[in-house]
Amino acid sequence: MMEFSHYKLEIYVPESHFEALRAALFRVDAGHIGNYDRCLSWSPVRSCWRPLAGTHPYQGTEGALEETDEIKIEVTVTTQRLAETLNAVRAVHPYEEPVIQVIPLILSTNEKNG
């Protein structure tokens, strides 16, 4: 089985919570690549979802399709910091079910081809 040293996180968040989430990522050293830290990208996206029965959505109404503008944050984390980073994101994210994509990186930017 292949082991991964780095992961890319894609996190979707309302613009109102972008600064708090970015600060939380920086506190746990997410985005540290080689001799650089605080490496992070973001872009505007349009998202939709439908809260199902029993949910308590941050935005929207149970059973109704919701659409809104969000920010997609992309950041690299090490395997050793992954759990800590996910916990930091969840601590400041307003959504009941935050969308956090965890993507293993086969080769990070600071590793050399063998």
PDB file of N, CA and C in Angstrom:
ATOM      1  N   MET A   1       0.834  -1.174   0.000  1.00  0.00           N
ATOM      2  CA  MET A   1       0.000   0.000   0.000  1.00  0.00           C
ATOM      3  C   MET A   1       0.887   1.247   0.000  1.00  0.00           C
ATOM      4  N   MET A   2       0.505   2.226  -0.797  1.00  0.00           N
ATOM      5  CA  MET A   2       1.281   3.454  -0.888  1.00  0.00           C
ATOM      6  C   MET A   2       1.034   4.327   0.338  1.00  0.00           C
ATOM      7  N   GLU A   3       2.098   4.891   0.874  1.00  0.00           N
ATOM      8  CA  GLU A   3       1.983   5.842   1.974  1.00  0.00           C
ATOM      9  C   GLU A   3       2.134   7.244   1.422  1.00  0.00           C
ATOM     10  N   PHE A   4       1.403   8.158   2.005  1.00  0.00           N
ATOM     11  CA  PHE A   4       1.426   9.543   1.538  1.00  0.00           C
ATOM     12  C   PHE A   4       2.018  10.436   2.614  1.00  0.00           C
ATOM     13  N   SER A   5       2.846  11.385   2.206  1.00  0.00           N
ATOM     14  CA  SER A   5       3.446  12.315   3.154  1.00  0.00           C
ATOM     15  C   SER A   5       2.682  13.634   3.207  1.00  0.00           C
ATOM     16  N   HIS A   6       1.894  13.913   2.160  1.00  0.00           N
ATOM     17  CA  HIS A   6       1.155  15.165   2.084  1.00  0.00           C
ATOM     18  C   HIS A   6      -0.252  14.929   1.530  1.00  0.00           C
ATOM     19  N   TYR A   7      -1.148  15.805   1.927  1.00  0.00           N
ATOM     20  CA  TYR A   7      -2.515  15.799   1.434  1.00  0.00           C
ATOM     21  C   TYR A   7      -2.895  17.206   1.017  1.00  0.00           C
ATOM     22  N   LYS A   8      -3.761  17.293   0.047  1.00  0.00           N
ATOM     23  CA  LYS A   8      -4.351  18.569  -0.332  1.00  0.00           C
ATOM     24  C   LYS A   8      -5.755  18.591   0.253  1.00  0.00           C
ATOM     25  N   LEU A   9      -6.092  19.676   0.928  1.00  0.00           N
ATOM     26  CA  LEU A   9      -7.446  19.862   1.430  1.00  0.00           C
ATOM     27  C   LEU A   9      -8.152  20.875   0.557  1.00  0.00           C
ATOM     28  N   GLU A  10      -9.382  20.588   0.206  1.00  0.00           N
ATOM     29  CA  GLU A  10     -10.278  21.543  -0.435  1.00  0.00           C
ATOM     30  C   GLU A  10     -11.435  21.748   0.534  1.00  0.00           C
ATOM     31  N   ILE A  11     -11.610  22.985   0.957  1.00  0.00           N
ATOM     32  CA  ILE A  11     -12.588  23.302   1.993  1.00  0.00           C
ATOM     33  C   ILE A  11     -13.519  24.377   1.455  1.00  0.00           C
ATOM     34  N   TYR A  12     -14.815  24.156   1.572  1.00  0.00           N
ATOM     35  CA  TYR A  12     -15.808  25.123   1.120  1.00  0.00           C
ATOM     36  C   TYR A  12     -16.397  25.813   2.342  1.00  0.00           C
ATOM     37  N   VAL A  13     -16.421  27.152   2.304  1.00  0.00           N
ATOM     38  CA  VAL A  13     -16.827  27.924   3.482  1.00  0.00           C
ATOM     39  C   VAL A  13     -17.521  29.208   3.028  1.00  0.00           C
ATOM     40  N   PRO A  14     -18.494  29.705   3.811  1.00  0.00           N
ATOM     41  CA  PRO A  14     -19.064  31.006   3.465  1.00  0.00           C
ATOM     42  C   PRO A  14     -18.002  32.092   3.593  1.00  0.00           C
ATOM     43  N   GLU A  15     -18.103  33.106   2.747  1.00  0.00           N
ATOM     44  CA  GLU A  15     -17.109  34.175   2.771  1.00  0.00           C
ATOM     45  C   GLU A  15     -16.992  34.817   4.150  1.00  0.00           C
ATOM     46  N   SER A  16     -18.086  34.854   4.890  1.00  0.00           N
ATOM     47  CA  SER A  16     -18.077  35.457   6.224  1.00  0.00           C
ATOM     48  C   SER A  16     -17.144  34.744   7.195  1.00  0.00           C
ATOM     49  N   HIS A  17     -16.802  33.493   6.920  1.00  0.00           N
ATOM     50  CA  HIS A  17     -15.952  32.710   7.809  1.00  0.00           C
ATOM     51  C   HIS A  17     -14.562  32.432   7.233  1.00  0.00           C
ATOM     52  N   PHE A  18     -14.264  33.051   6.088  1.00  0.00           N
ATOM     53  CA  PHE A  18     -12.979  32.808   5.436  1.00  0.00           C
ATOM     54  C   PHE A  18     -11.797  33.185   6.321  1.00  0.00           C
ATOM     55  N   GLU A  19     -11.790  34.382   6.877  1.00  0.00           N
ATOM     56  CA  GLU A  19     -10.644  34.835   7.679  1.00  0.00           C
ATOM     57  C   GLU A  19     -10.413  33.956   8.900  1.00  0.00           C
ATOM     58  N   ALA A  20     -11.481  33.556   9.575  1.00  0.00           N
ATOM     59  CA  ALA A  20     -11.346  32.693  10.756  1.00  0.00           C
ATOM     60  C   ALA A  20     -10.785  31.334  10.370  1.00  0.00           C
ATOM     61  N   LEU A  21     -11.226  30.805   9.251  1.00  0.00           N
ATOM     62  CA  LEU A  21     -10.726  29.504   8.803  1.00  0.00           C
ATOM     63  C   LEU A  21      -9.273  29.594   8.369  1.00  0.00           C
ATOM     64  N   ARG A  22      -8.935  30.651   7.647  1.00  0.00           N
ATOM     65  CA  ARG A  22      -7.540  30.834   7.234  1.00  0.00           C
ATOM     66  C   ARG A  22      -6.635  30.952   8.466  1.00  0.00           C
ATOM     67  N   ALA A  23      -7.034  31.714   9.455  1.00  0.00           N
ATOM     68  CA  ALA A  23      -6.245  31.853  10.683  1.00  0.00           C
ATOM     69  C   ALA A  23      -6.091  30.513  11.392  1.00  0.00           C
ATOM     70  N   ALA A  24      -7.150  29.714  11.429  1.00  0.00           N
ATOM     71  CA  ALA A  24      -7.086  28.394  12.062  1.00  0.00           C
ATOM     72  C   ALA A  24      -6.102  27.489  11.322  1.00  0.00           C
ATOM     73  N   LEU A  25      -6.104  27.538   9.995  1.00  0.00           N
ATOM     74  CA  LEU A  25      -5.162  26.738   9.209  1.00  0.00           C
ATOM     75  C   LEU A  25      -3.723  27.166   9.484  1.00  0.00           C
ATOM     76  N   PHE A  26      -3.489  28.452   9.560  1.00  0.00           N
ATOM     77  CA  PHE A  26      -2.138  28.944   9.819  1.00  0.00           C
ATOM     78  C   PHE A  26      -1.673  28.569  11.226  1.00  0.00           C
ATOM     79  N   ARG A  27      -2.587  28.534  12.206  1.00  0.00           N
ATOM     80  CA  ARG A  27      -2.215  28.160  13.588  1.00  0.00           C
ATOM     81  C   ARG A  27      -1.683  26.729  13.683  1.00  0.00           C
ATOM     82  N   VAL A  28      -2.156  25.842  12.796  1.00  0.00           N
ATOM     83  CA  VAL A  28      -1.706  24.447  12.832  1.00  0.00           C
ATOM     84  C   VAL A  28      -0.667  24.158  11.744  1.00  0.00           C
ATOM     85  N   ASP A  29      -0.124  25.217  11.154  1.00  0.00           N
ATOM     86  CA  ASP A  29       0.956  25.121  10.174  1.00  0.00           C
ATOM     87  C   ASP A  29       0.530  24.448   8.863  1.00  0.00           C
ATOM     88  N   ALA A  30      -0.758  24.490   8.541  1.00  0.00           N
ATOM     89  CA  ALA A  30      -1.193  24.018   7.227  1.00  0.00           C
ATOM     90  C   ALA A  30      -0.620  24.967   6.187  1.00  0.00           C
ATOM     91  N   GLY A  31      -0.275  24.438   5.030  1.00  0.00           N
ATOM     92  CA  GLY A  31       0.296  25.265   3.978  1.00  0.00           C
ATOM     93  C   GLY A  31       1.792  25.471   4.098  1.00  0.00           C
ATOM     94  N   HIS A  32       2.437  24.635   4.898  1.00  0.00           N
ATOM     95  CA  HIS A  32       3.905  24.716   5.028  1.00  0.00           C
ATOM     96  C   HIS A  32       4.512  23.810   3.955  1.00  0.00           C
ATOM     97  N   ILE A  33       5.210  24.437   3.012  1.00  0.00           N
ATOM     98  CA  ILE A  33       5.815  23.696   1.906  1.00  0.00           C
ATOM     99  C   ILE A  33       7.282  24.087   1.827  1.00  0.00           C
ATOM    100  N   GLY A  34       8.162  23.168   2.180  1.00  0.00           N
ATOM    101  CA  GLY A  34       9.591  23.448   2.130  1.00  0.00           C
ATOM    102  C   GLY A  34       9.963  24.625   3.016  1.00  0.00           C
ATOM    103  N   ASN A  35      10.599  25.629   2.429  1.00  0.00           N
ATOM    104  CA  ASN A  35      11.027  26.809   3.167  1.00  0.00           C
ATOM    105  C   ASN A  35      10.004  27.937   3.139  1.00  0.00           C
ATOM    106  N   TYR A  36       8.749  27.605   2.846  1.00  0.00           N
ATOM    107  CA  TYR A  36       7.664  28.589   2.820  1.00  0.00           C
ATOM    108  C   TYR A  36       6.553  28.111   3.728  1.00  0.00           C
ATOM    109  N   ASP A  37       5.883  29.050   4.375  1.00  0.00           N
ATOM    110  CA  ASP A  37       4.695  28.674   5.131  1.00  0.00           C
ATOM    111  C   ASP A  37       3.535  29.564   4.711  1.00  0.00           C
ATOM    112  N   ARG A  38       2.362  29.243   5.207  1.00  0.00           N
ATOM    113  CA  ARG A  38       1.125  29.976   4.911  1.00  0.00           C
ATOM    114  C   ARG A  38       0.806  29.993   3.415  1.00  0.00           C
ATOM    115  N   CYS A  39       1.145  28.896   2.734  1.00  0.00           N
ATOM    116  CA  CYS A  39       0.833  28.754   1.304  1.00  0.00           C
ATOM    117  C   CYS A  39      -0.612  28.245   1.192  1.00  0.00           C
ATOM    118  N   LEU A  40      -1.455  29.049   0.596  1.00  0.00           N
ATOM    119  CA  LEU A  40      -2.871  28.734   0.548  1.00  0.00           C
ATOM    120  C   LEU A  40      -3.483  29.454  -0.651  1.00  0.00           C
ATOM    121  N   SER A  41      -4.437  28.811  -1.289  1.00  0.00           N
ATOM    122  CA  SER A  41      -5.152  29.428  -2.410  1.00  0.00           C
ATOM    123  C   SER A  41      -6.635  29.422  -2.110  1.00  0.00           C
ATOM    124  N   TRP A  42      -7.351  30.386  -2.681  1.00  0.00           N
ATOM    125  CA  TRP A  42      -8.796  30.396  -2.549  1.00  0.00           C
ATOM    126  C   TRP A  42      -9.413  30.981  -3.796  1.00  0.00           C
ATOM    127  N   SER A  43     -10.643  30.579  -4.036  1.00  0.00           N
ATOM    128  CA  SER A  43     -11.363  31.077  -5.200  1.00  0.00           C
ATOM    129  C   SER A  43     -12.861  31.055  -4.905  1.00  0.00           C
ATOM    130  N   PRO A  44     -13.608  31.949  -5.564  1.00  0.00           N
ATOM    131  CA  PRO A  44     -15.060  31.944  -5.388  1.00  0.00           C
ATOM    132  C   PRO A  44     -15.687  30.779  -6.138  1.00  0.00           C
ATOM    133  N   VAL A  45     -16.702  30.180  -5.542  1.00  0.00           N
ATOM    134  CA  VAL A  45     -17.452  29.089  -6.175  1.00  0.00           C
ATOM    135  C   VAL A  45     -18.934  29.298  -5.898  1.00  0.00           C
ATOM    136  N   ARG A  46     -19.756  28.641  -6.661  1.00  0.00           N
ATOM    137  CA  ARG A  46     -21.204  28.628  -6.435  1.00  0.00           C
ATOM    138  C   ARG A  46     -21.555  27.219  -6.023  1.00  0.00           C
ATOM    139  N   SER A  47     -22.253  27.068  -4.902  1.00  0.00           N
ATOM    140  CA  SER A  47     -22.564  25.744  -4.360  1.00  0.00           C
ATOM    141  C   SER A  47     -24.065  25.598  -4.128  1.00  0.00           C
ATOM    142  N   CYS A  48     -24.507  24.348  -4.092  1.00  0.00           N
ATOM    143  CA  CYS A  48     -25.897  24.062  -3.746  1.00  0.00           C
ATOM    144  C   CYS A  48     -25.968  22.838  -2.848  1.00  0.00           C
ATOM    145  N   TRP A  49     -27.047  22.733  -2.089  1.00  0.00           N
ATOM    146  CA  TRP A  49     -27.297  21.602  -1.199  1.00  0.00           C
ATOM    147  C   TRP A  49     -28.755  21.619  -0.801  1.00  0.00           C
ATOM    148  N   ARG A  50     -29.231  20.478  -0.295  1.00  0.00           N
ATOM    149  CA  ARG A  50     -30.592  20.383   0.215  1.00  0.00           C
ATOM    150  C   ARG A  50     -30.537  19.737   1.591  1.00  0.00           C
ATOM    151  N   PRO A  51     -30.853  20.464   2.634  1.00  0.00           N
ATOM    152  CA  PRO A  51     -30.877  19.884   3.978  1.00  0.00           C
ATOM    153  C   PRO A  51     -31.991  18.834   4.095  1.00  0.00           C
ATOM    154  N   LEU A  52     -31.640  17.668   4.577  1.00  0.00           N
ATOM    155  CA  LEU A  52     -32.615  16.584   4.735  1.00  0.00           C
ATOM    156  C   LEU A  52     -33.254  16.636   6.118  1.00  0.00           C
ATOM    157  N   ALA A  53     -34.235  15.775   6.335  1.00  0.00           N
ATOM    158  CA  ALA A  53     -34.979  15.742   7.601  1.00  0.00           C
ATOM    159  C   ALA A  53     -34.032  15.571   8.788  1.00  0.00           C
ATOM    160  N   GLY A  54     -34.262  16.354   9.827  1.00  0.00           N
ATOM    161  CA  GLY A  54     -33.473  16.250  11.044  1.00  0.00           C
ATOM    162  C   GLY A  54     -32.220  17.104  11.063  1.00  0.00           C
ATOM    163  N   THR A  55     -31.958  17.842   9.990  1.00  0.00           N
ATOM    164  CA  THR A  55     -30.760  18.686   9.949  1.00  0.00           C
ATOM    165  C   THR A  55     -31.040  20.045  10.577  1.00  0.00           C
ATOM    166  N   HIS A  56     -29.969  20.733  10.895  1.00  0.00           N
ATOM    167  CA  HIS A  56     -30.036  22.090  11.430  1.00  0.00           C
ATOM    168  C   HIS A  56     -29.053  22.945  10.629  1.00  0.00           C
ATOM    169  N   PRO A  57     -29.437  23.296   9.392  1.00  0.00           N
ATOM    170  CA  PRO A  57     -28.492  23.969   8.504  1.00  0.00           C
ATOM    171  C   PRO A  57     -28.119  25.371   8.974  1.00  0.00           C
ATOM    172  N   TYR A  58     -26.876  25.722   8.724  1.00  0.00           N
ATOM    173  CA  TYR A  58     -26.393  27.072   8.958  1.00  0.00           C
ATOM    174  C   TYR A  58     -27.153  28.037   8.052  1.00  0.00           C
ATOM    175  N   GLN A  59     -27.410  27.584   6.834  1.00  0.00           N
ATOM    176  CA  GLN A  59     -28.136  28.384   5.859  1.00  0.00           C
ATOM    177  C   GLN A  59     -29.065  27.463   5.099  1.00  0.00           C
ATOM    178  N   GLY A  60     -30.290  27.879   4.883  1.00  0.00           N
ATOM    179  CA  GLY A  60     -31.241  27.081   4.132  1.00  0.00           C
ATOM    180  C   GLY A  60     -32.340  26.527   5.020  1.00  0.00           C
ATOM    181  N   THR A  61     -33.275  25.825   4.361  1.00  0.00           N
ATOM    182  CA  THR A  61     -34.439  25.267   5.026  1.00  0.00           C
ATOM    183  C   THR A  61     -34.524  23.783   4.719  1.00  0.00           C
ATOM    184  N   GLU A  62     -34.858  23.009   5.720  1.00  0.00           N
ATOM    185  CA  GLU A  62     -34.998  21.568   5.544  1.00  0.00           C
ATOM    186  C   GLU A  62     -35.896  21.268   4.341  1.00  0.00           C
ATOM    187  N   GLY A  63     -35.388  20.421   3.433  1.00  0.00           N
ATOM    188  CA  GLY A  63     -36.149  19.987   2.273  1.00  0.00           C
ATOM    189  C   GLY A  63     -36.080  20.896   1.054  1.00  0.00           C
ATOM    190  N   ALA A  64     -35.503  22.091   1.191  1.00  0.00           N
ATOM    191  CA  ALA A  64     -35.443  23.039   0.075  1.00  0.00           C
ATOM    192  C   ALA A  64     -34.018  23.134  -0.472  1.00  0.00           C
ATOM    193  N   LEU A  65     -33.910  23.181  -1.802  1.00  0.00           N
ATOM    194  CA  LEU A  65     -32.603  23.337  -2.432  1.00  0.00           C
ATOM    195  C   LEU A  65     -32.096  24.749  -2.174  1.00  0.00           C
ATOM    196  N   GLU A  66     -30.885  24.852  -1.698  1.00  0.00           N
ATOM    197  CA  GLU A  66     -30.251  26.131  -1.376  1.00  0.00           C
ATOM    198  C   GLU A  66     -29.081  26.345  -2.323  1.00  0.00           C
ATOM    199  N   GLU A  67     -28.856  27.571  -2.748  1.00  0.00           N
ATOM    200  CA  GLU A  67     -27.689  27.947  -3.551  1.00  0.00           C
ATOM    201  C   GLU A  67     -27.084  29.202  -2.961  1.00  0.00           C
ATOM    202  N   THR A  68     -25.742  29.254  -2.973  1.00  0.00           N
ATOM    203  CA  THR A  68     -25.073  30.449  -2.482  1.00  0.00           C
ATOM    204  C   THR A  68     -23.647  30.517  -3.001  1.00  0.00           C
ATOM    205  N   ASP A  69     -23.055  31.678  -2.882  1.00  0.00           N
ATOM    206  CA  ASP A  69     -21.643  31.843  -3.184  1.00  0.00           C
ATOM    207  C   ASP A  69     -20.823  31.428  -1.977  1.00  0.00           C
ATOM    208  N   GLU A  70     -19.716  30.756  -2.223  1.00  0.00           N
ATOM    209  CA  GLU A  70     -18.813  30.324  -1.164  1.00  0.00           C
ATOM    210  C   GLU A  70     -17.375  30.583  -1.605  1.00  0.00           C
ATOM    211  N   ILE A  71     -16.463  30.317  -0.706  1.00  0.00           N
ATOM    212  CA  ILE A  71     -15.035  30.345  -0.997  1.00  0.00           C
ATOM    213  C   ILE A  71     -14.512  28.911  -0.910  1.00  0.00           C
ATOM    214  N   LYS A  72     -13.741  28.505  -1.923  1.00  0.00           N
ATOM    215  CA  LYS A  72     -13.059  27.205  -1.881  1.00  0.00           C
ATOM    216  C   LYS A  72     -11.603  27.480  -1.528  1.00  0.00           C
ATOM    217  N   ILE A  73     -11.171  26.900  -0.419  1.00  0.00           N
ATOM    218  CA  ILE A  73      -9.798  27.040   0.047  1.00  0.00           C
ATOM    219  C   ILE A  73      -9.053  25.759  -0.318  1.00  0.00           C
ATOM    220  N   GLU A  74      -7.822  25.912  -0.836  1.00  0.00           N
ATOM    221  CA  GLU A  74      -6.961  24.775  -1.144  1.00  0.00           C
ATOM    222  C   GLU A  74      -5.662  24.950  -0.378  1.00  0.00           C
ATOM    223  N   VAL A  75      -5.273  23.911   0.344  1.00  0.00           N
ATOM    224  CA  VAL A  75      -4.070  23.989   1.166  1.00  0.00           C
ATOM    225  C   VAL A  75      -3.465  22.592   1.295  1.00  0.00           C
ATOM    226  N   THR A  76      -2.145  22.536   1.419  1.00  0.00           N
ATOM    227  CA  THR A  76      -1.422  21.285   1.585  1.00  0.00           C
ATOM    228  C   THR A  76      -1.079  21.081   3.054  1.00  0.00           C
ATOM    229  N   VAL A  77      -1.228  19.840   3.525  1.00  0.00           N
ATOM    230  CA  VAL A  77      -0.854  19.497   4.902  1.00  0.00           C
ATOM    231  C   VAL A  77      -0.059  18.196   4.903  1.00  0.00           C
ATOM    232  N   THR A  78       0.774  18.042   5.914  1.00  0.00           N
ATOM    233  CA  THR A  78       1.521  16.784   6.067  1.00  0.00           C
ATOM    234  C   THR A  78       0.636  15.738   6.724  1.00  0.00           C
ATOM    235  N   THR A  79       0.998  14.494   6.535  1.00  0.00           N
ATOM    236  CA  THR A  79       0.271  13.398   7.166  1.00  0.00           C
ATOM    237  C   THR A  79       0.250  13.575   8.681  1.00  0.00           C
ATOM    238  N   GLN A  80       1.381  14.009   9.246  1.00  0.00           N
ATOM    239  CA  GLN A  80       1.477  14.174  10.698  1.00  0.00           C
ATOM    240  C   GLN A  80       0.527  15.250  11.218  1.00  0.00           C
ATOM    241  N   ARG A  81       0.178  16.243  10.396  1.00  0.00           N
ATOM    242  CA  ARG A  81      -0.675  17.350  10.841  1.00  0.00           C
ATOM    243  C   ARG A  81      -2.125  17.222  10.352  1.00  0.00           C
ATOM    244  N   LEU A  82      -2.449  16.150   9.640  1.00  0.00           N
ATOM    245  CA  LEU A  82      -3.769  16.026   9.030  1.00  0.00           C
ATOM    246  C   LEU A  82      -4.898  16.037  10.058  1.00  0.00           C
ATOM    247  N   ALA A  83      -4.847  15.189  11.058  1.00  0.00           N
ATOM    248  CA  ALA A  83      -5.931  15.119  12.060  1.00  0.00           C
ATOM    249  C   ALA A  83      -6.076  16.450  12.792  1.00  0.00           C
ATOM    250  N   GLU A  84      -4.959  17.033  13.196  1.00  0.00           N
ATOM    251  CA  GLU A  84      -4.983  18.320  13.886  1.00  0.00           C
ATOM    252  C   GLU A  84      -5.593  19.403  13.001  1.00  0.00           C
ATOM    253  N   THR A  85      -5.262  19.382  11.726  1.00  0.00           N
ATOM    254  CA  THR A  85      -5.788  20.370  10.792  1.00  0.00           C
ATOM    255  C   THR A  85      -7.286  20.191  10.603  1.00  0.00           C
ATOM    256  N   LEU A  86      -7.743  18.964  10.431  1.00  0.00           N
ATOM    257  CA  LEU A  86      -9.180  18.710  10.282  1.00  0.00           C
ATOM    258  C   LEU A  86      -9.946  19.170  11.521  1.00  0.00           C
ATOM    259  N   ASN A  87      -9.395  18.918  12.694  1.00  0.00           N
ATOM    260  CA  ASN A  87     -10.033  19.378  13.935  1.00  0.00           C
ATOM    261  C   ASN A  87     -10.096  20.899  13.991  1.00  0.00           C
ATOM    262  N   ALA A  88      -9.033  21.573  13.561  1.00  0.00           N
ATOM    263  CA  ALA A  88      -8.998  23.041  13.559  1.00  0.00           C
ATOM    264  C   ALA A  88     -10.048  23.603  12.602  1.00  0.00           C
ATOM    265  N   VAL A  89     -10.206  22.983  11.438  1.00  0.00           N
ATOM    266  CA  VAL A  89     -11.209  23.430  10.471  1.00  0.00           C
ATOM    267  C   VAL A  89     -12.605  23.275  11.067  1.00  0.00           C
ATOM    268  N   ARG A  90     -12.894  22.114  11.616  1.00  0.00           N
ATOM    269  CA  ARG A  90     -14.234  21.854  12.166  1.00  0.00           C
ATOM    270  C   ARG A  90     -14.556  22.770  13.351  1.00  0.00           C
ATOM    271  N   ALA A  91     -13.545  23.187  14.088  1.00  0.00           N
ATOM    272  CA  ALA A  91     -13.762  24.044  15.256  1.00  0.00           C
ATOM    273  C   ALA A  91     -14.265  25.432  14.868  1.00  0.00           C
ATOM    274  N   VAL A  92     -13.922  25.922  13.678  1.00  0.00           N
ATOM    275  CA  VAL A  92     -14.327  27.275  13.285  1.00  0.00           C
ATOM    276  C   VAL A  92     -15.339  27.296  12.136  1.00  0.00           C
ATOM    277  N   HIS A  93     -15.584  26.162  11.516  1.00  0.00           N
ATOM    278  CA  HIS A  93     -16.488  26.104  10.362  1.00  0.00           C
ATOM    279  C   HIS A  93     -17.937  26.157  10.841  1.00  0.00           C
ATOM    280  N   PRO A  94     -18.776  26.977  10.213  1.00  0.00           N
ATOM    281  CA  PRO A  94     -20.146  27.119  10.700  1.00  0.00           C
ATOM    282  C   PRO A  94     -21.101  25.998  10.285  1.00  0.00           C
ATOM    283  N   TYR A  95     -20.730  25.194   9.287  1.00  0.00           N
ATOM    284  CA  TYR A  95     -21.666  24.195   8.771  1.00  0.00           C
ATOM    285  C   TYR A  95     -21.752  22.974   9.673  1.00  0.00           C
ATOM    286  N   GLU A  96     -22.942  22.413   9.741  1.00  0.00           N
ATOM    287  CA  GLU A  96     -23.179  21.172  10.470  1.00  0.00           C
ATOM    288  C   GLU A  96     -22.360  20.029   9.860  1.00  0.00           C
ATOM    289  N   GLU A  97     -22.262  20.010   8.540  1.00  0.00           N
ATOM    290  CA  GLU A  97     -21.478  19.014   7.793  1.00  0.00           C
ATOM    291  C   GLU A  97     -20.538  19.750   6.841  1.00  0.00           C
ATOM    292  N   PRO A  98     -19.394  20.238   7.314  1.00  0.00           N
ATOM    293  CA  PRO A  98     -18.497  20.960   6.412  1.00  0.00           C
ATOM    294  C   PRO A  98     -17.994  20.073   5.279  1.00  0.00           C
ATOM    295  N   VAL A  99     -17.875  20.663   4.101  1.00  0.00           N
ATOM    296  CA  VAL A  99     -17.327  19.937   2.956  1.00  0.00           C
ATOM    297  C   VAL A  99     -15.814  20.118   2.982  1.00  0.00           C
ATOM    298  N   ILE A 100     -15.112  19.018   3.273  1.00  0.00           N
ATOM    299  CA  ILE A 100     -13.654  19.008   3.328  1.00  0.00           C
ATOM    300  C   ILE A 100     -13.189  17.822   2.489  1.00  0.00           C
ATOM    301  N   GLN A 101     -12.607  18.096   1.348  1.00  0.00           N
ATOM    302  CA  GLN A 101     -12.060  17.034   0.502  1.00  0.00           C
ATOM    303  C   GLN A 101     -10.610  16.807   0.905  1.00  0.00           C
ATOM    304  N   VAL A 102     -10.257  15.560   1.207  1.00  0.00           N
ATOM    305  CA  VAL A 102      -8.891  15.199   1.589  1.00  0.00           C
ATOM    306  C   VAL A 102      -8.320  14.352   0.449  1.00  0.00           C
ATOM    307  N   ILE A 103      -7.334  14.915  -0.250  1.00  0.00           N
ATOM    308  CA  ILE A 103      -6.805  14.290  -1.461  1.00  0.00           C
ATOM    309  C   ILE A 103      -5.327  13.939  -1.242  1.00  0.00           C
ATOM    310  N   PRO A 104      -4.979  12.642  -1.283  1.00  0.00           N
ATOM    311  CA  PRO A 104      -3.570  12.277  -1.115  1.00  0.00           C
ATOM    312  C   PRO A 104      -2.735  12.756  -2.299  1.00  0.00           C
ATOM    313  N   LEU A 105      -1.557  13.260  -1.996  1.00  0.00           N
ATOM    314  CA  LEU A 105      -0.637  13.727  -3.036  1.00  0.00           C
ATOM    315  C   LEU A 105       0.460  12.691  -3.235  1.00  0.00           C
ATOM    316  N   ILE A 106       0.617  12.238  -4.441  1.00  0.00           N
ATOM    317  CA  ILE A 106       1.624  11.232  -4.733  1.00  0.00           C
ATOM    318  C   ILE A 106       3.018  11.814  -4.610  1.00  0.00           C
ATOM    319  N   LEU A 107       3.186  13.047  -5.046  1.00  0.00           N
ATOM    320  CA  LEU A 107       4.474  13.718  -4.940  1.00  0.00           C
ATOM    321  C   LEU A 107       4.208  15.171  -4.591  1.00  0.00           C
ATOM    322  N   SER A 108       4.727  15.597  -3.463  1.00  0.00           N
ATOM    323  CA  SER A 108       4.530  17.000  -3.089  1.00  0.00           C
ATOM    324  C   SER A 108       5.589  17.852  -3.774  1.00  0.00           C
ATOM    325  N   THR A 109       5.411  19.158  -3.733  1.00  0.00           N
ATOM    326  CA  THR A 109       6.318  20.060  -4.426  1.00  0.00           C
ATOM    327  C   THR A 109       7.724  20.067  -3.853  1.00  0.00           C
ATOM    328  N   ASN A 110       7.899  19.592  -2.615  1.00  0.00           N
ATOM    329  CA  ASN A 110       9.226  19.631  -2.027  1.00  0.00           C
ATOM    330  C   ASN A 110       9.904  18.259  -1.989  1.00  0.00           C
ATOM    331  N   GLU A 111       9.324  17.276  -2.710  1.00  0.00           N
ATOM    332  CA  GLU A 111       9.960  15.967  -2.815  1.00  0.00           C
ATOM    333  C   GLU A 111      10.562  15.831  -4.211  1.00  0.00           C
ATOM    334  N   LYS A 112      11.641  15.113  -4.298  1.00  0.00           N
ATOM    335  CA  LYS A 112      12.305  14.923  -5.590  1.00  0.00           C
ATOM    336  C   LYS A 112      11.893  13.595  -6.209  1.00  0.00           C
ATOM    337  N   ASN A 113      11.866  13.543  -7.529  1.00  0.00           N
ATOM    338  CA  ASN A 113      11.602  12.289  -8.212  1.00  0.00           C
ATOM    339  C   ASN A 113      12.756  11.325  -7.983  1.00  0.00           C
ATOM    340  N   GLY A 114      12.410  10.072  -7.731  1.00  0.00           N
ATOM    341  CA  GLY A 114      13.428   9.092  -7.421  1.00  0.00           C
ATOM    342  C   GLY A 114      13.932   8.432  -8.605  1.00  0.00           C
TER     343      GLY A 114
END
